[in-house]
């Protein structure tokens, strides 16, 4: 079945199907022209016109789908079908061919969308904190994710030995797709959906101003940063959200150097604003099946210091 999916993706993404339909339509119009009943000036152009009329539509976009109305064939059937004209038979066939090509295109679009946005499962061995970036590269190649994919959120749970208990993250790319990626430690499950955004959000996304972190950078930080460890910890939780935060009088702030992933404690008497960060929490077991955290360390990947308070 996967080979069929790949074939459907290939003929659409390489435009082979579109080119094949175009060539077929041209050859069919030539065939109709040669079957003309009478000599008629500009018959070739008229056949093209009837073909385009049959394929003409009005599209009405709603929030989650597009309604396609074949207005061209409706006009033909309502006002032109019974009108006496030269070569009426081949003109009718040309308009019907336009409708057929339209229907094939709509059906193909439905099939392709179902294939393109299907759920995926990618088995990867030895999933751990250290392999997050390389695992993503496999997913990226398999799903043809855009290079400028940015992170909406990431939630990670891992053990002392860096073995992942649970991982999920959501990313968006410039191909109008949102990916929900998760793993149980043995394979990755990916759910893909179409991104619906306003024009303003689309503009901000394209300029990379609305999203604070690309997925490759974040996964590198997660894999290579030596987060602070604690005794009597069952596991750790690391959370990233596409937010810019504000901190004042917080004693557990650490700076992450993105050049080498080293960390150092931030001691600032001024408030911190526009902070892009990871919340890292040690989780202690309090009862069977229940864990809690009494401490949160915040690792800053980007921030500003508000020194204007002294002015």
Protein backbone atom coordinates (compact mmCIF):
# COMPACT_ATOMS: atom_id res chain seq x y z
CA UNK A 1 0.00 0.00 0.00
CA UNK A 2 2.84 2.38 0.82
CA UNK A 3 4.19 2.00 -2.73
CA UNK A 4 0.78 3.10 -4.08
CA UNK A 5 0.88 6.14 -1.79
CA UNK A 6 4.36 6.98 -3.04
CA UNK A 7 3.22 6.65 -6.65
CA UNK A 8 0.25 8.99 -6.09
CA UNK A 9 2.55 11.53 -4.43
CA UNK A 10 5.08 11.24 -7.25
CA UNK A 11 2.69 11.79 -10.16
CA UNK A 12 1.19 14.81 -8.39
CA UNK A 13 4.33 16.45 -7.06
CA UNK A 14 6.20 15.94 -10.35
CA UNK A 15 3.18 17.26 -12.33
CA UNK A 16 3.13 14.10 -14.47
CA UNK A 17 -0.62 13.70 -14.02
CA UNK A 18 -1.32 17.34 -14.94
CA UNK A 19 0.86 17.13 -18.03
CA UNK A 20 -0.75 13.81 -19.03
CA UNK A 21 -4.27 15.27 -18.77
CA UNK A 22 -3.22 18.33 -20.76
CA UNK A 23 -1.70 16.22 -23.55
CA UNK A 24 -4.78 13.97 -23.60
CA UNK A 25 -7.10 17.00 -23.88
CA UNK A 26 -5.05 18.48 -26.74
CA UNK A 27 -5.05 15.18 -28.65
CA UNK A 28 -8.80 14.76 -28.11
CA UNK A 29 -9.52 18.28 -29.39
CA UNK A 30 -7.42 17.54 -32.49
CA UNK A 31 -9.42 14.35 -32.95
CA UNK A 32 -12.70 16.30 -32.69
CA UNK A 33 -11.44 18.90 -35.15
CA UNK A 34 -10.73 16.17 -37.69
CA UNK A 35 -14.28 14.82 -37.14
CA UNK A 36 -15.92 18.15 -38.06
CA UNK A 37 -19.18 17.91 -39.94
CA UNK A 38 -18.71 21.13 -41.88
CA UNK A 39 -15.97 23.61 -42.65
CA UNK A 40 -16.14 26.46 -40.13
CA UNK A 41 -13.91 29.46 -39.57
CA UNK A 42 -11.89 29.42 -36.35
CA UNK A 43 -13.27 25.98 -35.43
CA UNK A 44 -10.14 25.06 -33.50
CA UNK A 45 -10.48 28.11 -31.25
CA UNK A 46 -14.19 27.45 -30.79
CA UNK A 47 -13.51 23.88 -29.68
CA UNK A 48 -10.98 25.17 -27.16
CA UNK A 49 -13.60 27.66 -25.96
CA UNK A 50 -16.23 24.93 -25.45
CA UNK A 51 -13.66 22.77 -23.68
CA UNK A 52 -12.75 25.63 -21.32
CA UNK A 53 -16.45 26.34 -20.76
CA UNK A 54 -17.00 22.75 -19.64
CA UNK A 55 -14.08 23.01 -17.21
CA UNK A 56 -15.03 26.46 -15.86
CA UNK A 57 -15.94 26.61 -12.15
CA UNK A 58 -16.74 28.97 -9.31
CA UNK A 59 -14.93 28.07 -6.08
CA UNK A 60 -16.32 29.03 -2.68
CA UNK A 61 -13.79 28.70 0.16
CA UNK A 62 -15.03 27.84 3.62
CA UNK A 63 -12.99 27.34 6.78
CA UNK A 64 -12.18 23.68 6.23
CA UNK A 65 -13.18 22.92 2.63
CA UNK A 66 -13.76 24.43 -0.80
CA UNK A 67 -17.06 24.06 -2.67
CA UNK A 68 -16.58 23.71 -6.43
CA UNK A 69 -19.53 24.66 -8.66
CA UNK A 70 -19.21 23.59 -12.36
CA UNK A 71 -20.80 26.80 -13.58
CA UNK A 72 -19.49 26.34 -17.13
CA UNK A 73 -21.40 23.14 -17.88
CA UNK A 74 -24.46 24.60 -16.14
CA UNK A 75 -24.36 27.55 -18.54
CA UNK A 76 -23.92 25.22 -21.49
CA UNK A 77 -26.84 22.97 -20.52
CA UNK A 78 -29.13 25.89 -19.68
CA UNK A 79 -28.45 28.24 -22.59
CA UNK A 80 -26.40 26.59 -25.32
CA UNK A 81 -27.21 22.89 -25.58
CA UNK A 82 -30.31 23.21 -27.80
CA UNK A 83 -29.12 26.17 -29.82
CA UNK A 84 -28.71 25.40 -33.51
CA UNK A 85 -25.12 25.77 -34.63
CA UNK A 86 -22.62 24.30 -37.08
CA UNK A 87 -20.63 21.31 -35.79
CA UNK A 88 -22.81 21.12 -32.67
CA UNK A 89 -21.92 17.47 -31.97
CA UNK A 90 -18.18 17.97 -31.61
CA UNK A 91 -18.68 21.21 -29.68
CA UNK A 92 -20.87 19.34 -27.22
CA UNK A 93 -18.20 16.64 -26.90
CA UNK A 94 -15.55 19.33 -26.30
CA UNK A 95 -17.56 20.85 -23.43
CA UNK A 96 -18.20 17.39 -21.94
CA UNK A 97 -14.47 16.65 -22.16
CA UNK A 98 -13.83 19.84 -20.18
CA UNK A 99 -16.22 18.62 -17.49
CA UNK A 100 -14.58 15.18 -17.44
CA UNK A 101 -11.10 16.68 -17.02
CA UNK A 102 -12.51 18.87 -14.23
CA UNK A 103 -13.99 15.85 -12.45
CA UNK A 104 -10.75 13.90 -12.79
CA UNK A 105 -8.85 16.83 -11.31
CA UNK A 106 -11.26 17.17 -8.37
CA UNK A 107 -11.20 13.41 -7.69
CA UNK A 108 -7.42 13.36 -7.88
CA UNK A 109 -7.22 16.30 -5.48
CA UNK A 110 -9.39 14.43 -2.96
CA UNK A 111 -7.28 11.27 -3.26
CA UNK A 112 -4.00 13.20 -3.07
CA UNK A 113 -5.11 15.14 0.02
CA UNK A 114 -6.06 11.90 1.77
CA UNK A 115 -2.70 10.41 0.85
CA UNK A 116 -0.71 13.54 1.68
CA UNK A 117 -2.38 14.08 5.06
CA UNK A 118 -2.51 10.43 6.13
CA UNK A 119 -1.17 9.29 9.49
CA UNK A 120 2.34 7.86 9.36
CA UNK A 121 4.34 5.54 11.58
CA UNK A 122 8.12 5.53 11.20
CA UNK A 123 10.03 2.84 13.14
CA UNK A 124 13.41 4.06 14.43
CA UNK A 125 15.69 2.03 16.68
CA UNK A 126 17.35 3.31 19.86
CA UNK A 127 15.37 6.53 20.24
CA UNK A 128 16.98 8.69 22.92
CA UNK A 129 17.72 12.30 23.84
CA UNK A 130 20.95 12.19 21.83
CA UNK A 131 19.22 10.99 18.66
CA UNK A 132 16.44 13.61 18.49
CA UNK A 133 18.01 15.60 15.64
CA UNK A 134 19.00 12.58 13.55
CA UNK A 135 15.55 11.05 14.10
CA UNK A 136 13.95 14.26 12.87
CA UNK A 137 16.12 14.24 9.75
CA UNK A 138 14.68 10.80 8.91
CA UNK A 139 11.13 12.10 9.46
CA UNK A 140 11.86 15.25 7.48
CA UNK A 141 13.13 13.28 4.49
CA UNK A 142 10.29 10.76 4.62
CA UNK A 143 7.58 13.45 4.71
CA UNK A 144 9.41 16.09 2.62
CA UNK A 145 9.04 18.67 5.38
CA UNK A 146 10.09 22.19 4.45
CA UNK A 147 13.49 23.40 5.71
CA UNK A 148 11.89 26.34 7.54
CA UNK A 149 9.72 24.30 9.88
CA UNK A 150 9.09 26.10 13.17
CA UNK A 151 7.97 24.82 16.54
CA UNK A 152 4.59 25.39 18.11
CA UNK A 153 5.31 23.30 21.20
CA UNK A 154 7.42 20.44 22.52
CA UNK A 155 6.86 18.20 25.55
CA UNK A 156 9.55 15.73 26.56
CA UNK A 157 9.83 13.22 29.40
CA UNK A 158 13.07 11.26 29.83
CA UNK A 159 14.86 9.11 32.39
CA UNK A 160 18.20 9.61 34.07
CA UNK A 161 19.88 7.50 31.38
CA UNK A 162 18.44 9.77 28.62
CA UNK A 163 15.89 7.17 27.57
CA UNK A 164 12.70 8.82 26.37
CA UNK A 165 9.48 8.06 28.24
CA UNK A 166 7.33 10.33 26.10
CA UNK A 167 7.92 12.95 23.42
CA UNK A 168 5.53 15.04 21.38
CA UNK A 169 6.02 18.18 19.35
CA UNK A 170 4.08 20.24 16.86
CA UNK A 171 5.70 22.01 13.93
CA UNK A 172 4.50 24.04 10.96
CA UNK A 173 6.20 24.59 7.64
CA UNK A 174 5.73 26.95 4.72
CA UNK A 175 3.92 24.29 2.68
CA UNK A 176 0.76 25.01 4.67
CA UNK A 177 1.14 21.87 6.78
CA UNK A 178 1.07 21.21 10.50
CA UNK A 179 2.78 18.08 11.83
CA UNK A 180 1.96 16.45 15.19
CA UNK A 181 4.92 14.18 15.97
CA UNK A 182 5.11 11.82 18.94
CA UNK A 183 7.00 8.76 20.06
CA UNK A 184 6.72 6.03 22.67
CA UNK A 185 10.44 5.23 22.40
CA UNK A 186 10.11 2.59 19.66
CA UNK A 187 8.70 4.49 16.68
CA UNK A 188 7.41 7.91 15.66
CA UNK A 189 3.77 8.60 14.90
CA UNK A 190 3.06 11.59 12.66
CA UNK A 191 -0.31 13.19 12.05
CA UNK A 192 -0.36 15.78 9.27
CA UNK A 193 -3.05 18.40 8.77
CA UNK A 194 -3.58 21.45 6.61
CA UNK A 195 -2.71 24.74 8.28
CA UNK A 196 -5.50 27.31 8.27
CA UNK A 197 -4.24 30.77 9.13
CA UNK A 198 -5.21 34.36 8.49
CA UNK A 199 -3.27 36.41 5.94
CA UNK A 200 -1.53 38.32 8.75
CA UNK A 201 -0.38 35.08 10.41
CA UNK A 202 0.82 33.74 7.07
CA UNK A 203 2.86 36.89 6.50
CA UNK A 204 4.40 36.73 9.96
CA UNK A 205 5.22 33.05 9.47
CA UNK A 206 6.88 33.66 6.12
CA UNK A 207 9.09 36.33 7.64
CA UNK A 208 9.92 34.05 10.61
CA UNK A 209 8.87 36.83 12.98
CA UNK A 210 5.94 35.00 14.53
CA UNK A 211 7.79 31.82 15.43
CA UNK A 212 10.63 31.94 17.92
CA UNK A 213 12.51 28.73 17.17
CA UNK A 214 13.08 26.35 14.28
CA UNK A 215 12.81 22.67 15.07
CA UNK A 216 16.42 21.76 14.23
CA UNK A 217 17.81 24.34 16.67
CA UNK A 218 15.45 23.30 19.44
CA UNK A 219 16.22 19.59 19.05
CA UNK A 220 19.95 20.35 19.11
CA UNK A 221 19.46 22.24 22.37
CA UNK A 222 17.44 19.38 23.86
CA UNK A 223 20.03 16.79 22.81
CA UNK A 224 23.23 18.60 23.79
CA UNK A 225 22.44 20.79 26.79
CA UNK A 226 23.44 19.40 30.17
CA UNK A 227 20.38 20.25 32.21
CA UNK A 228 20.76 20.36 35.97
CA UNK A 229 20.14 17.00 37.64
CA UNK A 230 18.69 16.24 41.08
CA UNK A 231 18.68 13.34 43.51
CA UNK A 232 15.59 11.19 44.13
CA UNK A 233 14.23 12.01 40.68
CA UNK A 234 12.11 9.46 38.80
CA UNK A 235 12.36 11.30 35.47
CA UNK A 236 12.62 14.79 33.97
CA UNK A 237 10.18 16.89 31.99
CA UNK A 238 11.24 19.53 29.47
CA UNK A 239 8.63 21.83 27.93
CA UNK A 240 8.93 24.41 25.16
CA UNK A 241 6.13 26.66 23.92
CA UNK A 242 6.13 29.25 21.18
CA UNK A 243 5.87 32.10 23.67
CA UNK A 244 7.97 35.02 24.83
CA UNK A 245 7.99 35.12 28.62
CA UNK A 246 8.69 37.63 31.39
CA UNK A 247 10.64 36.86 34.58
CA UNK A 248 11.28 38.96 37.63
CA UNK A 249 13.10 37.85 40.81
CA UNK A 250 13.40 34.29 39.46
CA UNK A 251 16.42 32.54 40.97
CA UNK A 252 16.39 29.52 38.66
CA UNK A 253 17.27 31.08 35.31
CA UNK A 254 20.07 29.64 33.18
CA UNK A 255 21.54 30.88 29.91
CA UNK A 256 22.12 28.39 27.07
CA UNK A 257 25.01 29.25 24.75
CA UNK A 258 23.75 28.05 21.35
CA UNK A 259 27.32 27.88 20.04
CA UNK A 260 28.40 25.06 22.36
CA UNK A 261 25.27 24.35 24.49
CA UNK A 262 27.02 25.24 27.72
CA UNK A 263 24.94 26.76 30.50
CA UNK A 264 25.49 29.28 33.25
CA UNK A 265 23.27 30.72 35.91
CA UNK A 266 21.79 34.14 35.18
CA UNK A 267 21.95 36.51 38.12
CA UNK A 268 20.19 39.70 37.15
CA UNK A 269 18.64 42.33 39.36
CA UNK A 270 16.61 43.47 36.35
CA UNK A 271 13.50 41.83 34.89
CA UNK A 272 13.91 39.49 31.94
CA UNK A 273 11.53 39.94 29.00
CA UNK A 274 10.95 38.48 25.52
CA UNK A 275 12.47 35.26 26.84
CA UNK A 276 12.42 32.18 24.61
CA UNK A 277 13.07 29.28 26.94
CA UNK A 278 12.77 25.66 28.00
CA UNK A 279 11.19 24.74 31.34
CA UNK A 280 13.02 21.78 32.90
CA UNK A 281 11.53 19.97 35.89
CA UNK A 282 12.64 16.99 38.01
CA UNK A 283 9.69 14.69 38.71
CA UNK A 284 9.43 12.79 42.00
CA UNK A 285 7.08 9.90 42.60
CA UNK A 286 4.62 10.59 45.44
CA UNK A 287 2.48 7.46 45.10
CA UNK A 288 1.79 4.59 42.74
CA UNK A 289 1.27 6.12 39.30
CA UNK A 290 1.58 9.70 40.56
CA UNK A 291 4.48 12.14 40.18
CA UNK A 292 5.01 15.78 41.05
CA UNK A 293 7.60 18.50 40.59
CA UNK A 294 8.51 21.04 43.24
CA UNK A 295 11.11 22.88 41.18
CA UNK A 296 11.41 24.39 37.71
CA UNK A 297 14.66 25.48 36.08
CA UNK A 298 14.29 27.81 33.12
CA UNK A 299 16.86 27.68 30.32
CA UNK A 300 16.96 30.84 28.22
CA UNK A 301 17.84 30.54 24.55
CA UNK A 302 17.03 34.17 23.80
CA UNK A 303 16.10 37.04 26.11
CA UNK A 304 16.36 40.75 26.86
CA UNK A 305 17.15 42.50 30.14
CA UNK A 306 15.04 45.49 31.16
CA UNK A 307 17.73 47.84 32.53
CA UNK A 308 15.56 50.92 32.04
CA UNK A 309 14.07 50.53 35.53
CA UNK A 310 17.12 52.33 37.00
CA UNK A 311 16.66 55.36 34.77
